[in-house]
Protein backbone atom coordinates (compact mmCIF):
# COMPACT_ATOMS: atom_id res chain seq x y z
CA MET A 1 16.60 56.89 75.29
CA ALA A 2 19.98 55.39 76.11
CA GLY A 3 20.01 52.03 77.86
CA GLY A 4 22.11 50.92 80.78
CA PRO A 5 21.63 51.17 84.54
CA GLY A 6 20.13 54.29 86.07
CA LEU A 7 21.80 56.57 88.61
CA ARG A 8 20.62 54.59 91.62
CA GLU A 9 21.78 51.29 90.14
CA ARG A 10 25.17 52.76 89.20
CA LYS A 11 25.59 54.00 92.77
CA LYS A 12 24.79 50.53 94.12
CA LEU A 13 27.31 48.97 91.74
CA ARG A 14 29.98 51.45 92.85
CA THR A 15 29.27 50.71 96.51
CA ARG A 16 29.45 46.97 95.90
CA ARG A 17 32.72 47.31 94.01
CA THR A 18 34.16 49.49 96.77
CA LEU A 19 33.20 46.94 99.43
CA ILE A 20 34.81 44.10 97.47
CA ALA A 21 38.05 45.93 96.69
CA THR A 22 38.31 47.29 100.24
CA ALA A 23 37.69 43.91 101.84
CA VAL A 24 40.23 42.05 99.71
CA ARG A 25 42.84 44.75 100.31
CA MET A 26 42.27 44.61 104.08
CA PHE A 27 42.35 40.81 104.13
CA GLU A 28 45.73 40.98 102.43
CA GLN A 29 47.11 43.70 104.67
CA GLN A 30 45.90 42.70 108.12
CA GLY A 31 44.70 39.14 107.75
CA TYR A 32 41.36 37.54 106.93
CA ASP A 33 40.46 36.45 110.45
CA GLU A 34 41.69 39.72 111.93
CA THR A 35 39.47 41.87 109.66
CA THR A 36 35.92 42.39 110.88
CA LEU A 37 32.84 43.37 108.93
CA ALA A 38 32.78 46.62 110.87
CA ASP A 39 36.37 47.29 109.75
CA ILE A 40 35.42 46.79 106.10
CA ALA A 41 32.32 48.95 106.36
CA ALA A 42 34.21 51.76 108.06
CA ALA A 43 37.02 51.70 105.49
CA ALA A 44 34.46 51.74 102.67
CA GLU A 45 32.62 54.60 104.41
CA VAL A 46 29.32 52.77 104.72
CA SER A 47 27.39 51.33 107.64
CA THR A 48 27.58 47.69 108.70
CA ARG A 49 23.90 47.48 107.79
CA THR A 50 24.74 48.61 104.28
CA PHE A 51 27.41 45.88 104.07
CA PHE A 52 24.77 43.26 104.89
CA SER A 53 22.52 44.57 102.13
CA TYR A 54 25.20 43.40 99.68
CA PHE A 55 26.86 40.39 101.33
CA ALA A 56 25.96 37.86 104.00
CA GLY A 57 29.52 37.70 105.34
CA LYS A 58 33.22 37.91 104.61
CA GLU A 59 33.33 34.69 102.58
CA ASP A 60 30.69 36.02 100.20
CA VAL A 61 32.86 39.05 99.45
CA VAL A 62 35.76 36.85 98.34
CA PHE A 63 33.48 34.74 96.11
CA PHE A 64 31.53 37.76 94.88
CA ASP A 65 31.25 36.65 91.24
CA THR A 66 30.42 32.97 91.68
CA ARG A 67 26.64 33.29 91.39
CA ARG A 68 26.83 35.47 88.29
CA ARG A 69 29.11 33.00 86.52
CA VAL A 70 26.94 30.03 87.50
CA ASP A 71 23.77 31.76 86.32
CA GLY A 72 25.48 32.57 83.03
CA ALA A 73 26.44 28.92 82.56
CA LEU A 74 22.93 27.75 83.42
CA ALA A 75 21.44 30.15 80.88
CA VAL A 76 23.71 28.79 78.14
CA ILE A 77 22.84 25.19 79.01
CA ALA A 78 19.14 26.02 78.98
CA SER A 79 19.57 27.47 75.48
CA ARG A 80 20.76 24.18 73.99
CA ARG A 81 20.21 24.21 70.24
CA PRO A 82 18.37 21.38 68.45
CA GLY A 83 20.76 18.49 67.92
CA GLU A 84 23.64 20.28 69.65
CA PRO A 85 26.11 17.74 71.12
CA VAL A 86 27.25 18.06 74.73
CA ALA A 87 30.79 19.03 73.74
CA ASP A 88 29.57 21.93 71.60
CA LEU A 89 27.22 23.14 74.31
CA LEU A 90 29.97 23.03 76.94
CA LEU A 91 32.20 24.95 74.56
CA ARG A 92 29.60 27.72 74.58
CA VAL A 93 29.45 27.50 78.38
CA ALA A 94 33.23 27.97 78.45
CA ALA A 95 33.03 30.99 76.16
CA GLU A 96 30.51 32.55 78.53
CA ALA A 97 32.58 31.73 81.62
CA LEU A 98 35.79 33.11 80.10
CA SER A 99 34.25 36.31 78.80
CA PHE A 100 35.24 39.47 80.65
CA ASP A 101 32.89 42.08 79.25
CA THR A 102 31.33 43.32 82.48
CA GLU A 103 32.56 45.59 85.24
CA GLU A 104 32.35 42.74 87.71
CA ALA A 105 34.44 40.53 85.44
CA GLU A 106 37.04 43.26 85.14
CA LEU A 107 37.15 43.49 88.94
CA ALA A 108 37.67 39.73 89.10
CA ILE A 109 40.72 40.08 86.86
CA GLU A 110 42.04 42.96 88.94
CA LEU A 111 41.71 40.99 92.18
CA HIS A 112 42.62 37.58 90.78
CA THR A 113 46.08 37.28 92.31
CA ALA A 114 45.04 38.56 95.73
CA ARG A 115 41.95 36.33 95.83
CA THR A 116 43.96 33.29 94.83
CA ARG A 117 46.46 33.92 97.61
CA LEU A 118 43.65 34.30 100.13
CA ILE A 119 41.80 31.16 99.08
CA MET A 120 44.98 29.09 99.11
CA SER A 121 46.06 30.34 102.55
CA VAL A 122 42.86 30.71 104.61
CA PRO A 123 41.29 27.38 105.72
CA ALA A 124 37.75 28.82 105.87
CA LEU A 125 38.05 30.02 102.27
CA GLN A 126 39.55 26.72 101.12
CA ALA A 127 36.56 24.91 102.62
CA ARG A 128 34.12 27.34 101.02
CA ALA A 129 35.82 26.97 97.63
CA LEU A 130 35.49 23.18 97.78
CA HIS A 131 31.87 23.39 98.88
CA LEU A 132 31.07 25.77 96.04
CA LEU A 133 32.88 23.54 93.54
CA PHE A 134 30.78 20.50 94.48
CA GLU A 135 27.51 22.43 94.63
CA VAL A 136 28.11 24.15 91.30
CA GLN A 137 28.94 20.84 89.64
CA ARG A 138 25.72 19.31 90.95
CA GLU A 139 23.72 22.30 89.74
CA LEU A 140 25.27 22.26 86.27
CA ALA A 141 24.92 18.48 85.96
CA GLY A 142 21.21 18.76 86.76
CA ALA A 143 20.81 21.47 84.13
CA LEU A 144 22.72 19.41 81.56
CA LEU A 145 20.52 16.40 82.25
CA ARG A 146 17.39 18.51 81.69
CA ALA A 147 18.83 19.87 78.45
CA TYR A 148 19.28 16.34 77.07
CA PRO A 149 16.11 14.43 78.02
CA GLY A 150 16.40 10.82 76.92
CA GLU A 151 19.93 11.42 75.59
CA LEU A 152 21.97 11.57 78.81
CA ASP A 153 21.61 9.71 82.05
CA PRO A 154 22.59 11.19 85.45
CA ILE A 155 25.98 9.46 85.43
CA GLU A 156 26.91 10.84 82.02
CA ALA A 157 25.75 14.34 82.90
CA ALA A 158 27.70 14.33 86.18
CA ALA A 159 30.82 12.90 84.53
CA ALA A 160 30.70 15.42 81.67
CA VAL A 161 30.43 18.38 84.04
CA GLY A 162 33.08 16.95 86.37
CA ALA A 163 35.52 16.43 83.50
CA PHE A 164 34.80 19.89 82.10
CA MET A 165 35.23 21.75 85.40
CA GLY A 166 38.16 19.59 86.47
CA ALA A 167 39.99 20.40 83.25
CA VAL A 168 39.48 24.13 83.79
CA LYS A 169 40.53 24.07 87.45
CA GLN A 170 43.60 21.92 86.95
CA ALA A 171 44.78 23.80 83.87
CA VAL A 172 44.43 27.15 85.64
CA MET A 173 46.24 25.84 88.73
CA ALA A 174 49.10 24.54 86.59
CA ALA A 175 49.39 27.92 84.89
CA ARG A 176 49.27 29.68 88.23
CA ASP A 177 51.97 27.42 89.69
CA ARG A 178 54.36 28.41 86.91
CA GLY A 179 53.65 32.09 87.51
CA ASP A 180 51.47 32.88 84.51
CA PRO A 181 49.50 36.18 84.51
CA PRO A 182 45.67 36.10 84.28
CA ASP A 183 45.55 36.25 80.46
CA LEU A 184 47.76 33.16 80.16
CA MET A 185 45.69 31.41 82.84
CA ARG A 186 42.61 31.96 80.69
CA ALA A 187 44.51 30.57 77.70
CA ALA A 188 45.42 27.53 79.81
CA ALA A 189 41.75 27.10 80.75
CA ARG A 190 40.78 27.11 77.08
CA ARG A 191 43.46 24.55 76.29
CA GLY A 192 42.27 22.31 79.11
CA ILE A 193 38.72 22.59 77.82
CA GLU A 194 39.79 21.62 74.31
CA VAL A 195 41.58 18.55 75.65
CA VAL A 196 38.64 17.26 77.67
CA LEU A 197 35.97 18.08 75.07
CA ASP A 198 37.66 15.76 72.59
CA GLY A 199 36.52 12.94 74.84
CA LEU A 200 32.92 14.19 75.04
CA ARG A 201 32.18 14.41 71.33
CA SER A 202 29.93 11.35 71.33
CA LEU A 203 27.64 12.51 74.15
CA GLY A 204 24.30 14.05 73.29
CA ARG A 205 24.07 12.34 69.90
CA PRO A 206 21.62 9.61 68.93
CA GLN A 207 23.18 6.24 69.58
CA GLU A 208 22.00 2.70 70.17
CA ARG A 209 22.52 1.23 73.59
CA GLU A 210 22.07 -2.19 75.00
CA SER A 211 20.24 -2.04 78.27
CA GLY A 212 22.39 -3.40 81.08
CA ALA A 213 25.60 -3.52 79.01
CA ASN A 214 28.59 -1.23 78.79
CA ASP A 215 30.42 -0.16 75.64
CA ASP A 216 32.35 -3.45 75.54
CA GLY A 217 29.15 -5.45 75.65
CA ILE A 218 29.92 -6.63 79.17
CA ALA A 219 26.90 -6.83 81.43
CA THR A 220 27.05 -4.31 84.25
CA GLN A 221 26.57 -5.71 87.70
CA VAL A 222 25.42 -3.77 90.72
């Protein structure tokens, strides 16, 4: 018997995709604040109740793929291989994050330019993007710490995730600012990752440490 989602699941996926595409189009055409949930539901030919069965509000429509991408990253971190250094593990996380082999990922590419314009121009979406960025970093840092018991401390885990995500964000923004299309933005993200991972090669490997001293042998003071 062939695998894949059944008829009911495919219908739900189509409805979700329609709601996302319709909402982003309407936000672009008539304004984010001016577009109501009822407007989106009517244009997508569903009830407002149906809208709420997929999304909690307008912001969630714009950030529709965030949870999937975070869960994918968490799954990769949890699958850390014996002896795998942090840099190599984060490289696998990047490969997962930059893969576009699902229908939702394809939709993200299709809506990338419109979503970027919305997030950069609507204060509520800017605030949500920053909140998500901080929360995702905290979640990934916690997962990384659990994947390296006795090998990383909370500061190292947080710094590694912050450097990794910062490299991706800044590289993509630089590519966007020069007008690159989505495929070149992904290439820029990979390049940013390569740059920052060079500095993380020593993390997650057995190494001797002096308690209370930094790498220069200077006692740390609180």
